[in-house]
């Protein structure tokens, strides 16, 4: 076999390999697109940016004689969702998220207890729960593993309770909406099931919450 024949053979083999790879990729895409609807759920850890310094500045700004002594800024977070995949890369989902609670302990001096607790109940970190809508883009760097980006809109509500030695002395409620974004890694166990891990960030007016979570996805028609 001369050099020209070898080059021609290698070229033919390359074309055949490319065609097979393309066919395999197309077939994989079609299999993944066969069940466009999916449901999923995630559970993880929420970490708020609220700090002792932040809370004491807020107390001072309201003219209160109070000092924050502890901020527990971490709590369990979860979400449940249903979505539709337009193709292997793009999807849209709606669901419900709970970012957990942020606990603040403080001490204070007052002459009028009712006035003091009425004021302090409105000074709190921002967190909440509510419905969301989000778009995702998946990039598969193997047939089963993908990285993805997420951009969403969160319509949230927070309920706050002020207690004095365990007894409720004040209540407050806050509503709002904010954009959020995130990055994730997904592994397809089969054409029906997948697991993922993701990071998300929620920007409230005064505080920021980061969420790390793991979850599962089930695809269906």
Protein backbone atom coordinates (compact mmCIF):
# COMPACT_ATOMS: atom_id res chain seq x y z
CA UNK A 1 0.00 0.00 0.00
CA UNK A 2 1.53 3.32 -1.06
CA UNK A 3 1.38 6.63 0.80
CA UNK A 4 -1.61 7.93 -1.20
CA UNK A 5 -3.59 4.78 -0.41
CA UNK A 6 -2.75 5.12 3.29
CA UNK A 7 -3.84 8.77 3.33
CA UNK A 8 -7.09 7.86 1.56
CA UNK A 9 -7.74 5.02 4.03
CA UNK A 10 -7.10 7.27 7.02
CA UNK A 11 -9.39 9.91 5.53
CA UNK A 12 -12.17 7.38 5.04
CA UNK A 13 -11.72 6.09 8.60
CA UNK A 14 -11.86 9.66 9.93
CA UNK A 15 -15.06 10.36 7.99
CA UNK A 16 -16.62 7.13 9.23
CA UNK A 17 -15.64 7.88 12.83
CA UNK A 18 -17.04 11.42 12.62
CA UNK A 19 -20.27 10.16 11.12
CA UNK A 20 -20.64 7.52 13.84
CA UNK A 21 -19.87 10.06 16.58
CA UNK A 22 -22.38 12.48 15.09
CA UNK A 23 -25.01 9.77 14.83
CA UNK A 24 -24.34 8.70 18.44
CA UNK A 25 -24.60 12.29 19.68
CA UNK A 26 -27.81 12.89 17.71
CA UNK A 27 -29.31 9.66 19.00
CA UNK A 28 -28.36 10.63 22.57
CA UNK A 29 -29.96 14.04 22.10
CA UNK A 30 -33.13 12.45 20.76
CA UNK A 31 -33.26 10.06 23.71
CA UNK A 32 -32.87 12.93 26.18
CA UNK A 33 -35.48 14.98 24.34
CA UNK A 34 -37.94 12.08 24.34
CA UNK A 35 -39.20 13.08 27.81
CA UNK A 36 -39.21 16.88 27.94
CA UNK A 37 -41.11 17.31 31.21
CA UNK A 38 -39.33 16.89 34.53
CA UNK A 39 -39.78 17.30 38.26
CA UNK A 40 -37.02 17.85 40.75
CA UNK A 41 -36.14 18.67 44.29
CA UNK A 42 -33.07 19.90 46.15
CA UNK A 43 -31.97 20.26 49.74
CA UNK A 44 -28.96 22.11 51.08
CA UNK A 45 -27.54 24.90 53.17
CA UNK A 46 -28.36 28.61 53.07
CA UNK A 47 -25.78 31.16 54.26
CA UNK A 48 -26.89 34.78 54.79
CA UNK A 49 -24.51 37.74 54.66
CA UNK A 50 -26.19 39.27 57.75
CA UNK A 51 -23.66 39.91 60.53
CA UNK A 52 -23.41 41.42 64.02
CA UNK A 53 -22.04 44.63 62.53
CA UNK A 54 -24.92 44.86 60.05
CA UNK A 55 -27.54 44.35 62.73
CA UNK A 56 -25.97 46.85 65.15
CA UNK A 57 -25.81 49.48 62.41
CA UNK A 58 -29.51 48.92 61.73
CA UNK A 59 -30.35 49.22 65.43
CA UNK A 60 -28.35 52.46 65.64
CA UNK A 61 -30.01 53.86 62.50
CA UNK A 62 -33.45 53.42 64.11
CA UNK A 63 -32.31 55.09 67.36
CA UNK A 64 -32.77 51.93 69.42
CA UNK A 65 -30.78 51.17 72.56
CA UNK A 66 -30.12 47.59 71.50
CA UNK A 67 -27.02 45.51 70.76
CA UNK A 68 -26.95 42.32 68.70
CA UNK A 69 -25.04 39.56 70.51
CA UNK A 70 -25.39 36.68 68.05
CA UNK A 71 -26.37 36.13 64.43
CA UNK A 72 -27.04 32.55 63.31
CA UNK A 73 -26.86 33.08 59.56
CA UNK A 74 -27.04 29.46 58.36
CA UNK A 75 -30.05 27.22 57.93
CA UNK A 76 -31.48 24.39 55.84
CA UNK A 77 -32.85 25.38 52.41
CA UNK A 78 -34.86 23.39 49.88
CA UNK A 79 -36.77 23.68 46.62
CA UNK A 80 -39.23 21.67 44.55
CA UNK A 81 -39.82 22.36 40.86
CA UNK A 82 -41.40 21.26 37.60
CA UNK A 83 -39.94 22.15 34.24
CA UNK A 84 -39.91 21.67 30.49
CA UNK A 85 -36.79 21.02 28.40
CA UNK A 86 -37.05 22.58 24.94
CA UNK A 87 -34.00 20.59 23.86
CA UNK A 88 -30.98 19.03 25.54
CA UNK A 89 -29.60 22.45 26.49
CA UNK A 90 -32.44 24.89 27.27
CA UNK A 91 -35.15 24.46 29.90
CA UNK A 92 -37.66 26.53 31.86
CA UNK A 93 -38.95 25.67 35.32
CA UNK A 94 -41.23 26.95 38.07
CA UNK A 95 -41.21 25.93 41.70
CA UNK A 96 -41.09 26.81 45.36
CA UNK A 97 -38.03 27.72 47.44
CA UNK A 98 -37.46 28.08 51.17
CA UNK A 99 -34.20 29.83 52.13
CA UNK A 100 -34.54 29.11 55.83
CA UNK A 101 -34.36 31.42 58.84
CA UNK A 102 -31.78 33.86 60.21
CA UNK A 103 -31.73 34.07 64.02
CA UNK A 104 -30.61 37.28 65.79
CA UNK A 105 -30.14 37.53 69.56
CA UNK A 106 -29.85 40.96 71.15
CA UNK A 107 -30.00 42.84 74.41
CA UNK A 108 -31.56 46.24 75.00
CA UNK A 109 -32.63 48.84 77.52
CA UNK A 110 -36.03 50.46 77.50
CA UNK A 111 -38.59 52.23 79.63
CA UNK A 112 -41.58 51.45 77.43
CA UNK A 113 -41.51 47.76 76.58
CA UNK A 114 -44.33 47.97 74.03
CA UNK A 115 -42.63 50.80 72.13
CA UNK A 116 -39.26 49.05 72.25
CA UNK A 117 -40.49 45.72 70.91
CA UNK A 118 -42.71 47.43 68.37
CA UNK A 119 -39.58 49.10 66.97
CA UNK A 120 -37.24 46.11 67.22
CA UNK A 121 -39.62 43.73 65.42
CA UNK A 122 -39.03 45.68 62.20
CA UNK A 123 -35.23 45.33 62.33
CA UNK A 124 -34.24 41.94 60.94
CA UNK A 125 -32.20 40.19 58.25
CA UNK A 126 -33.87 39.39 54.95
CA UNK A 127 -34.78 35.82 54.07
CA UNK A 128 -37.92 34.06 53.00
CA UNK A 129 -39.77 31.53 50.93
CA UNK A 130 -41.92 31.67 47.85
CA UNK A 131 -42.44 30.81 44.20
CA UNK A 132 -39.86 31.21 41.47
CA UNK A 133 -39.38 30.88 37.72
CA UNK A 134 -35.99 30.17 36.17
CA UNK A 135 -34.30 29.38 32.88
CA UNK A 136 -31.38 26.95 32.55
CA UNK A 137 -28.73 26.30 29.95
CA UNK A 138 -26.91 22.93 30.06
CA UNK A 139 -23.59 22.29 28.35
CA UNK A 140 -22.75 18.58 28.06
CA UNK A 141 -19.02 17.89 27.97
CA UNK A 142 -19.69 14.12 28.06
CA UNK A 143 -22.87 12.26 27.16
CA UNK A 144 -23.89 12.07 30.85
CA UNK A 145 -22.26 15.06 32.57
CA UNK A 146 -23.25 18.70 32.10
CA UNK A 147 -22.52 22.04 33.67
CA UNK A 148 -25.36 24.53 33.67
CA UNK A 149 -26.17 28.13 34.40
CA UNK A 150 -29.41 29.39 35.93
CA UNK A 151 -31.16 32.77 35.96
CA UNK A 152 -34.41 33.20 37.83
CA UNK A 153 -36.95 35.47 39.49
CA UNK A 154 -37.96 34.86 43.13
CA UNK A 155 -41.22 36.18 44.61
CA UNK A 156 -40.66 35.80 48.36
CA UNK A 157 -42.24 36.44 51.72
CA UNK A 158 -40.56 36.53 55.13
CA UNK A 159 -42.27 36.17 58.50
CA UNK A 160 -40.43 37.44 61.57
CA UNK A 161 -41.11 36.80 65.25
CA UNK A 162 -39.54 38.70 68.17
CA UNK A 163 -39.41 36.83 71.49
CA UNK A 164 -38.53 37.88 75.04
CA UNK A 165 -37.28 34.93 77.10
CA UNK A 166 -39.16 32.60 74.76
CA UNK A 167 -42.42 34.52 74.74
CA UNK A 168 -43.55 36.13 71.44
CA UNK A 169 -43.68 39.92 71.81
CA UNK A 170 -43.72 41.08 68.19
CA UNK A 171 -44.41 40.01 64.63
CA UNK A 172 -43.51 41.39 61.25
CA UNK A 173 -43.94 40.35 57.64
CA UNK A 174 -42.03 41.40 54.56
CA UNK A 175 -42.64 40.68 50.88
CA UNK A 176 -40.44 41.27 47.90
CA UNK A 177 -39.01 39.91 44.69
CA UNK A 178 -35.48 39.56 43.45
CA UNK A 179 -33.43 38.08 40.65
CA UNK A 180 -31.18 35.15 41.43
CA UNK A 181 -28.56 33.19 39.51
CA UNK A 182 -26.52 30.04 39.90
CA UNK A 183 -24.21 27.38 38.52
CA UNK A 184 -24.61 23.62 38.70
CA UNK A 185 -23.26 20.22 37.75
CA UNK A 186 -25.62 17.47 36.57
CA UNK A 187 -25.04 13.75 36.06
CA UNK A 188 -27.57 11.73 34.05
CA UNK A 189 -28.02 8.31 35.64
CA UNK A 190 -30.36 7.26 32.81
CA UNK A 191 -32.74 8.86 30.33
CA UNK A 192 -35.22 9.24 33.21
CA UNK A 193 -33.12 10.08 36.26
CA UNK A 194 -30.40 12.62 37.04
CA UNK A 195 -28.65 14.02 40.12
CA UNK A 196 -27.19 17.49 40.47
CA UNK A 197 -25.35 19.87 42.77
CA UNK A 198 -25.74 23.63 42.51
CA UNK A 199 -24.81 27.01 43.95
CA UNK A 200 -27.31 29.90 43.87
CA UNK A 201 -27.13 33.52 45.02
CA UNK A 202 -30.09 35.70 46.04
CA UNK A 203 -29.63 39.48 46.26
CA UNK A 204 -32.08 41.11 48.68
CA UNK A 205 -32.17 44.84 49.39
CA UNK A 206 -29.88 44.63 52.42
CA UNK A 207 -28.62 41.03 52.57
CA UNK A 208 -27.31 38.35 50.23
CA UNK A 209 -28.00 34.63 50.63
CA UNK A 210 -25.88 31.88 49.07
CA UNK A 211 -27.31 28.38 48.79
CA UNK A 212 -25.40 25.13 48.17
CA UNK A 213 -27.62 22.12 47.50
CA UNK A 214 -27.85 18.65 45.99
CA UNK A 215 -30.91 17.24 44.27
CA UNK A 216 -32.57 14.74 42.00
CA UNK A 217 -34.45 15.12 38.68
CA UNK A 218 -37.01 12.77 37.13
CA UNK A 219 -37.98 13.15 33.46
CA UNK A 220 -41.37 12.15 32.07
CA UNK A 221 -43.58 12.73 29.04
